[in-house]
C-alpha atoms as a PDB file:
ATOM      1  CA  MET A   1      43.036 104.650 187.390  1.00  0.00           C
ATOM      2  CA  ALA A   2      46.229 106.754 186.782  1.00  0.00           C
ATOM      3  CA  LEU A   3      48.052 103.667 185.532  1.00  0.00           C
ATOM      4  CA  LEU A   4      45.229 102.731 183.188  1.00  0.00           C
ATOM      5  CA  SER A   5      45.195 106.291 181.895  1.00  0.00           C
ATOM      6  CA  ALA A   6      48.932 106.290 181.314  1.00  0.00           C
ATOM      7  CA  SER A   7      48.677 102.951 179.437  1.00  0.00           C
ATOM      8  CA  LEU A   8      45.926 104.315 177.185  1.00  0.00           C
ATOM      9  CA  MET A   9      47.992 107.377 176.393  1.00  0.00           C
ATOM     10  CA  ARG A  10      51.014 105.200 175.533  1.00  0.00           C
ATOM     11  CA  ALA A  11      48.930 103.110 173.207  1.00  0.00           C
ATOM     12  CA  ASP A  12      47.408 106.222 171.499  1.00  0.00           C
ATOM     13  CA  ILE A  13      50.675 107.416 170.229  1.00  0.00           C
ATOM     14  CA  LEU A  14      50.430 104.902 167.415  1.00  0.00           C
ATOM     15  CA  VAL A  15      46.972 106.004 166.468  1.00  0.00           C
ATOM     16  CA  ASP A  16      47.973 109.694 166.646  1.00  0.00           C
ATOM     17  CA  VAL A  17      51.127 109.295 164.543  1.00  0.00           C
ATOM     18  CA  ARG A  18      49.467 107.071 161.902  1.00  0.00           C
ATOM     19  CA  THR A  19      46.499 109.419 161.703  1.00  0.00           C
ATOM     20  CA  ALA A  20      48.755 112.417 161.212  1.00  0.00           C
ATOM     21  CA  LEU A  21      50.775 110.597 158.544  1.00  0.00           C
ATOM     22  CA  ALA A  22      47.561 109.392 156.776  1.00  0.00           C
ATOM     23  CA  SER A  23      46.531 113.025 156.518  1.00  0.00           C
ATOM     24  CA  GLY A  24      49.904 113.985 155.091  1.00  0.00           C
ATOM     25  CA  ASN A  25      50.956 115.938 158.128  1.00  0.00           C
ATOM     26  CA  LEU A  26      54.512 114.625 158.839  1.00  0.00           C
ATOM     27  CA  PRO A  27      55.472 117.580 161.052  1.00  0.00           C
ATOM     28  CA  MET A  28      52.570 116.857 163.366  1.00  0.00           C
ATOM     29  CA  ALA A  29      53.518 113.153 163.552  1.00  0.00           C
ATOM     30  CA  GLU A  30      57.086 114.201 164.450  1.00  0.00           C
ATOM     31  CA  SER A  31      55.885 116.604 167.084  1.00  0.00           C
ATOM     32  CA  GLN A  32      53.455 114.088 168.689  1.00  0.00           C
ATOM     33  CA  LEU A  33      56.332 111.583 168.832  1.00  0.00           C
ATOM     34  CA  ARG A  34      58.710 114.076 170.480  1.00  0.00           C
ATOM     35  CA  THR A  35      56.081 115.013 173.166  1.00  0.00           C
ATOM     36  CA  TYR A  36      55.428 111.290 173.867  1.00  0.00           C
ATOM     37  CA  ARG A  37      59.110 110.541 174.195  1.00  0.00           C
ATOM     38  CA  THR A  38      59.613 113.380 176.651  1.00  0.00           C
ATOM     39  CA  HIS A  39      56.863 112.037 178.897  1.00  0.00           C
ATOM     40  CA  TYR A  40      57.401 108.252 178.681  1.00  0.00           C
ATOM     41  CA  GLY A  41      60.894 107.664 177.337  1.00  0.00           C
ATOM     42  CA  VAL A  42      61.713 104.801 175.022  1.00  0.00           C
ATOM     43  CA  THR A  43      58.943 102.154 175.022  1.00  0.00           C
ATOM     44  CA  PRO A  44      57.973  99.506 172.418  1.00  0.00           C
ATOM     45  CA  GLU A  45      55.070 101.768 171.406  1.00  0.00           C
ATOM     46  CA  MET A  46      57.358 104.730 170.976  1.00  0.00           C
ATOM     47  CA  LEU A  47      59.712 102.642 168.836  1.00  0.00           C
ATOM     48  CA  GLU A  48      56.925 101.448 166.579  1.00  0.00           C
ATOM     49  CA  ALA A  49      55.666 105.080 166.174  1.00  0.00           C
ATOM     50  CA  LEU A  50      59.236 106.138 165.321  1.00  0.00           C
ATOM     51  CA  SER A  51      59.354 103.476 162.687  1.00  0.00           C
ATOM     52  CA  TRP A  52      56.142 104.859 161.264  1.00  0.00           C
ATOM     53  CA  VAL A  53      57.595 108.335 161.143  1.00  0.00           C
ATOM     54  CA  SER A  54      60.617 107.060 159.243  1.00  0.00           C
ATOM     55  CA  ARG A  55      58.239 105.480 156.767  1.00  0.00           C
ATOM     56  CA  GLY A  56      56.413 108.794 156.402  1.00  0.00           C
ATOM     57  CA  GLU A  57      59.754 110.526 155.815  1.00  0.00           C
ATOM     58  CA  LEU A  58      60.687 108.016 153.088  1.00  0.00           C
ATOM     59  CA  ALA A  59      57.258 108.455 151.413  1.00  0.00           C
ATOM     60  CA  ALA A  60      58.017 112.265 151.488  1.00  0.00           C
ATOM     61  CA  HIS A  61      61.295 111.579 149.621  1.00  0.00           C
ATOM     62  CA  GLN A  62      63.317 112.454 152.658  1.00  0.00           C
ATOM     63  CA  ALA A  63      65.561 109.448 152.343  1.00  0.00           C
ATOM     64  CA  ASP A  64      68.477 110.731 154.505  1.00  0.00           C
ATOM     65  CA  LYS A  65      66.085 111.712 157.283  1.00  0.00           C
ATOM     66  CA  ALA A  66      64.160 108.366 157.038  1.00  0.00           C
ATOM     67  CA  ASP A  67      67.451 106.459 157.199  1.00  0.00           C
ATOM     68  CA  THR A  68      68.551 108.364 160.264  1.00  0.00           C
ATOM     69  CA  ASP A  69      65.312 107.717 162.214  1.00  0.00           C
ATOM     70  CA  ALA A  70      65.158 104.060 160.995  1.00  0.00           C
ATOM     71  CA  HIS A  71      68.780 103.558 162.158  1.00  0.00           C
ATOM     72  CA  GLU A  72      67.914 105.061 165.518  1.00  0.00           C
ATOM     73  CA  THR A  73      64.887 102.791 165.728  1.00  0.00           C
ATOM     74  CA  GLU A  74      67.024  99.746 165.078  1.00  0.00           C
ATOM     75  CA  LYS A  75      69.665 100.744 167.631  1.00  0.00           C
ATOM     76  CA  LEU A  76      67.044 101.371 170.325  1.00  0.00           C
ATOM     77  CA  CYS A  77      65.338  98.043 169.532  1.00  0.00           C
ATOM     78  CA  VAL A  78      68.697  96.233 169.919  1.00  0.00           C
ATOM     79  CA  ASP A  79      69.104  97.935 173.275  1.00  0.00           C
ATOM     80  CA  GLN A  80      65.669  96.637 174.322  1.00  0.00           C
ATOM     81  CA  LEU A  81      66.615  93.124 173.185  1.00  0.00           C
ATOM     82  CA  ARG A  82      69.378  93.042 175.920  1.00  0.00           C
ATOM     83  CA  LYS A  83      66.614  92.651 178.527  1.00  0.00           C
ATOM     84  CA  ARG A  84      63.774  90.842 176.674  1.00  0.00           C
ATOM     85  CA  SER A  85      63.101  88.692 173.636  1.00  0.00           C
ATOM     86  CA  LEU A  86      61.954  90.180 170.367  1.00  0.00           C
ATOM     87  CA  ASP A  87      58.585  88.497 170.202  1.00  0.00           C
ATOM     88  CA  ALA A  88      57.546  89.015 173.836  1.00  0.00           C
ATOM     89  CA  GLU A  89      54.979  91.479 172.535  1.00  0.00           C
ATOM     90  CA  PRO A  90      53.904  92.902 169.129  1.00  0.00           C
ATOM     91  CA  HIS A  91      55.299  96.428 169.072  1.00  0.00           C
ATOM     92  CA  LEU A  92      59.032  95.732 169.103  1.00  0.00           C
ATOM     93  CA  PRO A  93      59.060  93.323 166.200  1.00  0.00           C
ATOM     94  CA  ALA A  94      56.878  95.687 164.168  1.00  0.00           C
ATOM     95  CA  ALA A  95      59.305  98.572 164.912  1.00  0.00           C
ATOM     96  CA  LEU A  96      62.427  96.533 164.173  1.00  0.00           C
ATOM     97  CA  GLY A  97      61.065  95.034 161.030  1.00  0.00           C
ATOM     98  CA  ALA A  98      59.948  98.420 159.677  1.00  0.00           C
ATOM     99  CA  ALA A  99      63.340 100.005 160.635  1.00  0.00           C
ATOM    100  CA  ILE A 100      65.237  97.383 158.638  1.00  0.00           C
ATOM    101  CA  GLU A 101      62.878  97.743 155.720  1.00  0.00           C
ATOM    102  CA  VAL A 102      63.218 101.585 155.646  1.00  0.00           C
ATOM    103  CA  GLN A 103      67.006 101.554 155.803  1.00  0.00           C
ATOM    104  CA  ALA A 104      67.101  99.089 152.863  1.00  0.00           C
ATOM    105  CA  GLU A 105      64.672 101.249 150.927  1.00  0.00           C
ATOM    106  CA  ALA A 106      66.753 104.367 151.673  1.00  0.00           C
ATOM    107  CA  MET A 107      69.811 102.640 150.284  1.00  0.00           C
ATOM    108  CA  VAL A 108      67.947 101.793 147.099  1.00  0.00           C
ATOM    109  CA  ALA A 109      66.821 105.427 146.805  1.00  0.00           C
ATOM    110  CA  ARG A 110      70.455 106.509 146.946  1.00  0.00           C
ATOM    111  CA  GLY A 111      71.294 103.948 144.141  1.00  0.00           C
ATOM    112  CA  ALA A 112      72.876 101.337 146.436  1.00  0.00           C
ATOM    113  CA  ARG A 113      70.668  98.406 145.602  1.00  0.00           C
ATOM    114  CA  SER A 114      73.356  95.639 146.012  1.00  0.00           C
ATOM    115  CA  GLU A 115      74.347  97.199 149.458  1.00  0.00           C
ATOM    116  CA  ALA A 116      70.619  97.022 150.494  1.00  0.00           C
ATOM    117  CA  VAL A 117      70.411  93.374 149.686  1.00  0.00           C
ATOM    118  CA  ASP A 118      73.571  92.646 151.588  1.00  0.00           C
ATOM    119  CA  TYR A 119      72.306  94.569 154.539  1.00  0.00           C
ATOM    120  CA  LEU A 120      68.995  92.642 154.455  1.00  0.00           C
ATOM    121  CA  ARG A 121      70.742  89.298 154.248  1.00  0.00           C
ATOM    122  CA  GLN A 122      72.879  90.062 157.243  1.00  0.00           C
ATOM    123  CA  ARG A 123      69.782  91.006 159.233  1.00  0.00           C
ATOM    124  CA  LEU A 124      68.102  87.819 157.990  1.00  0.00           C
ATOM    125  CA  LYS A 125      70.827  85.758 159.581  1.00  0.00           C
ATOM    126  CA  THR A 126      70.566  87.668 162.834  1.00  0.00           C
ATOM    127  CA  TYR A 127      66.782  87.430 163.079  1.00  0.00           C
ATOM    128  CA  TYR A 128      66.197  84.091 161.308  1.00  0.00           C
ATOM    129  CA  ALA A 129      64.510  82.477 164.276  1.00  0.00           C
ATOM    130  CA  THR A 130      62.117  85.378 164.928  1.00  0.00           C
ATOM    131  CA  SER A 131      58.792  86.619 163.631  1.00  0.00           C
ATOM    132  CA  ILE A 132      60.475  89.234 161.408  1.00  0.00           C
ATOM    133  CA  ARG A 133      62.307  86.737 159.296  1.00  0.00           C
ATOM    134  CA  ILE A 134      59.485  86.601 156.822  1.00  0.00           C
ATOM    135  CA  ARG A 135      59.289  90.400 156.421  1.00  0.00           C
ATOM    136  CA  ILE A 136      63.074  90.614 155.837  1.00  0.00           C
ATOM    137  CA  GLN A 137      62.804  87.855 153.223  1.00  0.00           C
ATOM    138  CA  LYS A 138      60.060  89.736 151.494  1.00  0.00           C
ATOM    139  CA  ASN A 139      62.280  92.773 151.160  1.00  0.00           C
ATOM    140  CA  ILE A 140      65.132  90.719 149.897  1.00  0.00           C
ATOM    141  CA  ASN A 141      62.865  89.104 147.292  1.00  0.00           C
ATOM    142  CA  LEU A 142      61.478  92.416 146.159  1.00  0.00           C
ATOM    143  CA  LEU A 143      65.061  93.531 145.327  1.00  0.00           C
ATOM    144  CA  SER A 144      66.560  90.318 144.089  1.00  0.00           C
ATOM    145  CA  LEU A 145      64.131  87.428 143.340  1.00  0.00           C
ATOM    146  CA  GLU A 146      62.974  88.323 139.922  1.00  0.00           C
ATOM    147  CA  GLY A 147      65.359  86.672 137.400  1.00  0.00           C
ATOM    148  CA  LYS A 148      66.456  84.068 139.903  1.00  0.00           C
ATOM    149  CA  PRO A 149      65.312  80.390 140.300  1.00  0.00           C
ATOM    150  CA  ALA A 150      62.093  80.022 142.199  1.00  0.00           C
ATOM    151  CA  PRO A 151      62.543  78.616 145.789  1.00  0.00           C
ATOM    152  CA  PRO A 152      61.233  75.013 146.130  1.00  0.00           C
ATOM    153  CA  LEU A 153      57.814  74.512 147.743  1.00  0.00           C
ATOM    154  CA  GLN A 154      57.066  72.104 150.494  1.00  0.00           C
ATOM    155  CA  VAL A 155      54.073  70.033 149.168  1.00  0.00           C
ATOM    156  CA  SER A 156      53.743  67.104 151.633  1.00  0.00           C
ATOM    157  CA  GLU A 157      50.652  68.484 153.155  1.00  0.00           C
ATOM    158  CA  TYR A 158      47.944  69.975 150.950  1.00  0.00           C
ATOM    159  CA  LEU A 159      44.330  70.567 150.223  1.00  0.00           C
ATOM    160  CA  GLY A 160      42.695  69.846 146.756  1.00  0.00           C
ATOM    161  CA  PRO A 161      44.570  67.944 144.084  1.00  0.00           C
ATOM    162  CA  LYS A 162      47.982  66.628 144.957  1.00  0.00           C
ATOM    163  CA  PRO A 163      50.554  69.322 144.114  1.00  0.00           C
ATOM    164  CA  SER A 164      53.793  68.488 142.187  1.00  0.00           C
ATOM    165  CA  PRO A 165      57.196  69.932 143.227  1.00  0.00           C
ATOM    166  CA  LEU A 166      58.016  73.020 141.183  1.00  0.00           C
ATOM    167  CA  SER A 167      60.964  71.085 139.765  1.00  0.00           C
ATOM    168  CA  ALA A 168      58.484  68.729 138.070  1.00  0.00           C
ATOM    169  CA  LEU A 169      56.491  71.563 136.517  1.00  0.00           C
ATOM    170  CA  ARG A 170      59.226  72.736 134.095  1.00  0.00           C
ATOM    171  CA  GLY A 171      57.896  73.454 130.624  1.00  0.00           C
ATOM    172  CA  LYS A 172      54.840  75.539 131.599  1.00  0.00           C
ATOM    173  CA  PRO A 173      54.608  78.855 133.371  1.00  0.00           C
ATOM    174  CA  VAL A 174      53.452  78.557 136.919  1.00  0.00           C
ATOM    175  CA  LEU A 175      51.541  81.194 139.042  1.00  0.00           C
ATOM    176  CA  LEU A 176      51.730  81.002 142.777  1.00  0.00           C
ATOM    177  CA  PHE A 177      48.933  82.694 144.802  1.00  0.00           C
ATOM    178  CA  PHE A 178      49.815  82.872 148.468  1.00  0.00           C
ATOM    179  CA  TRP A 179      46.710  83.460 150.454  1.00  0.00           C
ATOM    180  CA  ALA A 180      45.422  83.288 154.093  1.00  0.00           C
ATOM    181  CA  HIS A 181      41.985  82.117 155.338  1.00  0.00           C
ATOM    182  CA  TRP A 182      41.403  85.464 157.084  1.00  0.00           C
ATOM    183  CA  CYS A 183      42.459  87.650 154.241  1.00  0.00           C
ATOM    184  CA  GLY A 184      39.741  89.804 152.596  1.00  0.00           C
ATOM    185  CA  ASP A 185      42.110  90.976 149.828  1.00  0.00           C
ATOM    186  CA  CYS A 186      42.810  87.328 148.967  1.00  0.00           C
ATOM    187  CA  ARG A 187      39.075  86.683 148.559  1.00  0.00           C
ATOM    188  CA  ALA A 188      38.744  89.757 146.353  1.00  0.00           C
ATOM    189  CA  GLU A 189      41.509  88.248 144.120  1.00  0.00           C
ATOM    190  CA  ALA A 190      39.722  84.927 143.733  1.00  0.00           C
ATOM    191  CA  PRO A 191      37.413  85.813 140.764  1.00  0.00           C
ATOM    192  CA  LEU A 192      40.317  87.409 138.920  1.00  0.00           C
ATOM    193  CA  LEU A 193      42.380  84.237 139.324  1.00  0.00           C
ATOM    194  CA  ALA A 194      39.468  81.945 138.323  1.00  0.00           C
ATOM    195  CA  ARG A 195      39.192  84.014 135.099  1.00  0.00           C
ATOM    196  CA  ILE A 196      42.953  83.726 134.521  1.00  0.00           C
ATOM    197  CA  LYS A 197      42.747  79.963 135.095  1.00  0.00           C
ATOM    198  CA  SER A 198      39.933  79.579 132.533  1.00  0.00           C
ATOM    199  CA  GLN A 199      41.579  81.877 129.970  1.00  0.00           C
ATOM    200  CA  TYR A 200      44.996  80.169 130.107  1.00  0.00           C
ATOM    201  CA  ALA A 201      43.833  76.537 130.647  1.00  0.00           C
ATOM    202  CA  GLY A 202      46.493  74.195 129.431  1.00  0.00           C
ATOM    203  CA  ARG A 203      49.128  76.958 129.092  1.00  0.00           C
ATOM    204  CA  LEU A 204      49.462  78.145 132.760  1.00  0.00           C
ATOM    205  CA  LEU A 205      49.477  76.186 136.003  1.00  0.00           C
ATOM    206  CA  ILE A 206      48.309  77.756 139.242  1.00  0.00           C
ATOM    207  CA  MET A 207      49.097  76.678 142.833  1.00  0.00           C
ATOM    208  CA  GLY A 208      47.591  78.388 145.971  1.00  0.00           C
ATOM    209  CA  PRO A 209      49.966  77.970 148.954  1.00  0.00           C
ATOM    210  CA  THR A 210      48.530  78.709 152.295  1.00  0.00           C
ATOM    211  CA  GLN A 211      49.480  78.052 155.980  1.00  0.00           C
ATOM    212  CA  ARG A 212      48.076  77.699 159.472  1.00  0.00           C
ATOM    213  CA  TYR A 213      47.991  80.828 161.685  1.00  0.00           C
ATOM    214  CA  GLY A 214      46.718  79.108 164.939  1.00  0.00           C
ATOM    215  CA  PHE A 215      43.226  80.630 164.867  1.00  0.00           C
ATOM    216  CA  ILE A 216      40.011  80.680 162.987  1.00  0.00           C
ATOM    217  CA  GLY A 217      36.978  83.000 162.565  1.00  0.00           C
ATOM    218  CA  GLY A 218      37.080  85.792 165.021  1.00  0.00           C
ATOM    219  CA  GLY A 219      40.494  84.942 166.359  1.00  0.00           C
ATOM    220  CA  ASP A 220      39.595  81.725 168.280  1.00  0.00           C
ATOM    221  CA  GLU A 221      42.612  79.598 168.929  1.00  0.00           C
ATOM    222  CA  VAL A 222      42.345  76.064 167.565  1.00  0.00           C
ATOM    223  CA  PRO A 223      44.494  73.022 167.188  1.00  0.00           C
ATOM    224  CA  PRO A 224      46.101  72.303 163.755  1.00  0.00           C
ATOM    225  CA  GLU A 225      43.642  69.721 162.569  1.00  0.00           C
ATOM    226  CA  LEU A 226      40.688  71.930 163.164  1.00  0.00           C
ATOM    227  CA  GLU A 227      42.232  74.966 161.468  1.00  0.00           C
ATOM    228  CA  LEU A 228      42.972  72.805 158.364  1.00  0.00           C
ATOM    229  CA  LYS A 229      39.259  71.881 158.255  1.00  0.00           C
ATOM    230  CA  TYR A 230      38.376  75.523 158.577  1.00  0.00           C
ATOM    231  CA  ILE A 231      40.742  76.488 155.797  1.00  0.00           C
ATOM    232  CA  ASP A 232      39.123  73.924 153.564  1.00  0.00           C
ATOM    233  CA  ARG A 233      35.701  75.264 154.385  1.00  0.00           C
ATOM    234  CA  ILE A 234      36.904  78.771 153.472  1.00  0.00           C
ATOM    235  CA  ARG A 235      38.333  77.464 150.329  1.00  0.00           C
ATOM    236  CA  HIS A 236      35.003  76.026 149.221  1.00  0.00           C
ATOM    237  CA  GLU A 237      32.967  79.096 150.339  1.00  0.00           C
ATOM    238  CA  PHE A 238      35.121  81.787 148.833  1.00  0.00           C
ATOM    239  CA  TYR A 239      37.314  80.151 146.206  1.00  0.00           C
ATOM    240  CA  SER A 240      34.922  77.939 144.366  1.00  0.00           C
ATOM    241  CA  GLY A 241      36.424  78.792 141.036  1.00  0.00           C
ATOM    242  CA  LEU A 242      39.738  77.423 142.151  1.00  0.00           C
ATOM    243  CA  LEU A 243      38.857  74.134 143.817  1.00  0.00           C
ATOM    244  CA  ASP A 244      40.923  72.246 141.308  1.00  0.00           C
ATOM    245  CA  VAL A 245      44.095  74.284 142.088  1.00  0.00           C
ATOM    246  CA  PRO A 246      46.465  72.482 144.415  1.00  0.00           C
ATOM    247  CA  VAL A 247      46.900  74.157 147.859  1.00  0.00           C
ATOM    248  CA  PRO A 248      50.202  73.310 149.640  1.00  0.00           C
ATOM    249  CA  VAL A 249      49.904  73.957 153.376  1.00  0.00           C
ATOM    250  CA  SER A 250      53.196  75.040 154.837  1.00  0.00           C
ATOM    251  CA  GLN A 251      54.528  77.897 157.000  1.00  0.00           C
ATOM    252  CA  GLU A 252      57.982  77.354 155.613  1.00  0.00           C
ATOM    253  CA  ASN A 253      56.736  78.196 152.038  1.00  0.00           C
ATOM    254  CA  PHE A 254      55.598  81.567 153.360  1.00  0.00           C
ATOM    255  CA  LYS A 255      58.904  82.245 155.087  1.00  0.00           C
ATOM    256  CA  ASN A 256      60.996  81.232 152.041  1.00  0.00           C
ATOM    257  CA  TYR A 257      58.886  83.350 149.659  1.00  0.00           C
ATOM    258  CA  GLY A 258      58.626  86.318 152.173  1.00  0.00           C
ATOM    259  CA  SER A 259      54.876  86.213 152.110  1.00  0.00           C
ATOM    260  CA  SER A 260      54.276  88.475 154.953  1.00  0.00           C
ATOM    261  CA  THR A 261      51.722  90.320 152.788  1.00  0.00           C
ATOM    262  CA  THR A 262      48.721  88.407 151.542  1.00  0.00           C
ATOM    263  CA  PRO A 263      47.958  87.925 148.791  1.00  0.00           C
ATOM    264  CA  THR A 264      51.488  87.505 147.246  1.00  0.00           C
ATOM    265  CA  LEU A 265      51.609  86.581 143.522  1.00  0.00           C
ATOM    266  CA  VAL A 266      54.715  84.942 141.969  1.00  0.00           C
ATOM    267  CA  LEU A 267      54.945  84.164 138.266  1.00  0.00           C
ATOM    268  CA  ILE A 268      57.515  81.581 137.202  1.00  0.00           C
ATOM    269  CA  ASP A 269      58.541  80.864 133.628  1.00  0.00           C
ATOM    270  CA  ARG A 270      59.056  77.526 131.838  1.00  0.00           C
ATOM    271  CA  ARG A 271      62.551  77.185 133.184  1.00  0.00           C
ATOM    272  CA  GLY A 272      61.632  77.823 136.775  1.00  0.00           C
ATOM    273  CA  ILE A 273      62.778  81.469 136.861  1.00  0.00           C
ATOM    274  CA  VAL A 274      60.787  83.991 138.775  1.00  0.00           C
ATOM    275  CA  ARG A 275      59.524  86.719 136.391  1.00  0.00           C
ATOM    276  CA  LEU A 276      57.113  88.516 138.788  1.00  0.00           C
ATOM    277  CA  TYR A 277      57.202  88.865 142.567  1.00  0.00           C
ATOM    278  CA  HIS A 278      54.265  90.982 143.839  1.00  0.00           C
ATOM    279  CA  PRO A 279      53.098  91.298 147.493  1.00  0.00           C
ATOM    280  CA  GLY A 280      49.538  92.667 147.443  1.00  0.00           C
ATOM    281  CA  ASN A 281      46.603  92.728 144.997  1.00  0.00           C
ATOM    282  CA  LEU A 282      47.207  92.927 141.309  1.00  0.00           C
ATOM    283  CA  SER A 283      44.763  94.006 138.624  1.00  0.00           C
ATOM    284  CA  TYR A 284      43.588  91.534 136.000  1.00  0.00           C
ATOM    285  CA  GLU A 285      45.095  93.717 133.237  1.00  0.00           C
ATOM    286  CA  ALA A 286      48.513  93.882 134.863  1.00  0.00           C
ATOM    287  CA  LEU A 287      48.590  90.116 135.644  1.00  0.00           C
ATOM    288  CA  ARG A 288      47.401  89.238 132.212  1.00  0.00           C
ATOM    289  CA  ALA A 289      50.147  91.344 130.594  1.00  0.00           C
ATOM    290  CA  ASP A 290      52.794  89.467 132.536  1.00  0.00           C
ATOM    291  CA  ILE A 291      51.320  86.116 131.772  1.00  0.00           C
ATOM    292  CA  ASP A 292      50.924  86.867 128.033  1.00  0.00           C
ATOM    293  CA  ALA A 293      54.617  87.686 127.873  1.00  0.00           C
ATOM    294  CA  LEU A 294      55.384  84.040 129.211  1.00  0.00           C
ATOM    295  CA  VAL A 295      52.817  82.072 127.238  1.00  0.00           C
ATOM    296  CA  SER A 296      53.355  83.801 123.932  1.00  0.00           C
ATOM    297  CA  PRO A 297      54.647  81.276 121.287  1.00  0.00           C
ATOM    298  CA  SER A 298      57.467  83.573 120.551  1.00  0.00           C
ATOM    299  CA  HIS A 299      58.637  83.679 124.152  1.00  0.00           C
ATOM    300  CA  THR A 300      61.752  81.685 124.724  1.00  0.00           C
ATOM    301  CA  ASP A 301      62.366  82.605 128.389  1.00  0.00           C
END
């Protein structure tokens, strides 16, 4: 009973810290974390909570303090990795991924954008074979992808119409909509995208990359072929206005584009250059403004 109670208390630190941060009470979050650390020492849960505190400090415009706590989080995570693998449980990769992200954002806040990109690229090499690769790539892309050539897409497996490689689509702007079958925000974006598709028919190409996650419905694990059928069912049920949009199915596409957030929207101009990289939902008005800038007859890329 005592062991169960201790385990619950250790898990509660994440809830307590995030609740305090959500209410804008950063000092309370820091106090809760200090108390927990005194009682339980360094645990994966404590490290994830520390990474949340560093994010709260960054949001409060305390970049130096956020950088210090994120650096400590990374150092303690590396210490943990001497005796276990990164992806043995979920808290350590969440902590390390956030710590790397916060340190890069703190560099940007100090005006050191290029140093932040270099730092992220170094960490990408170190953690390329782990679950945090995609999160690090997202942060690299946020800082450096716009204005650069779009990474190629794997298109050998797909749903809907057969997709063409991006290199074959030069001459028209392309909108990539990265989505997941479990993602409510993606479904909310579907009517907006159907409206965009209709409005810019013949002037804009849309592709909807997705991937397998190993589960369906309420989290039931399934083999790849059954998940693909499930994805297609979700596509027909919630994306009926986009059924003529090609849907490449590839985990590598998500890794290369850093699509750890769904939806992720990527707008590519006629020459194959990324003009918008946006993890998360985007309003119709904002997306339309970016598209108008590319499809305008006066636009020369």
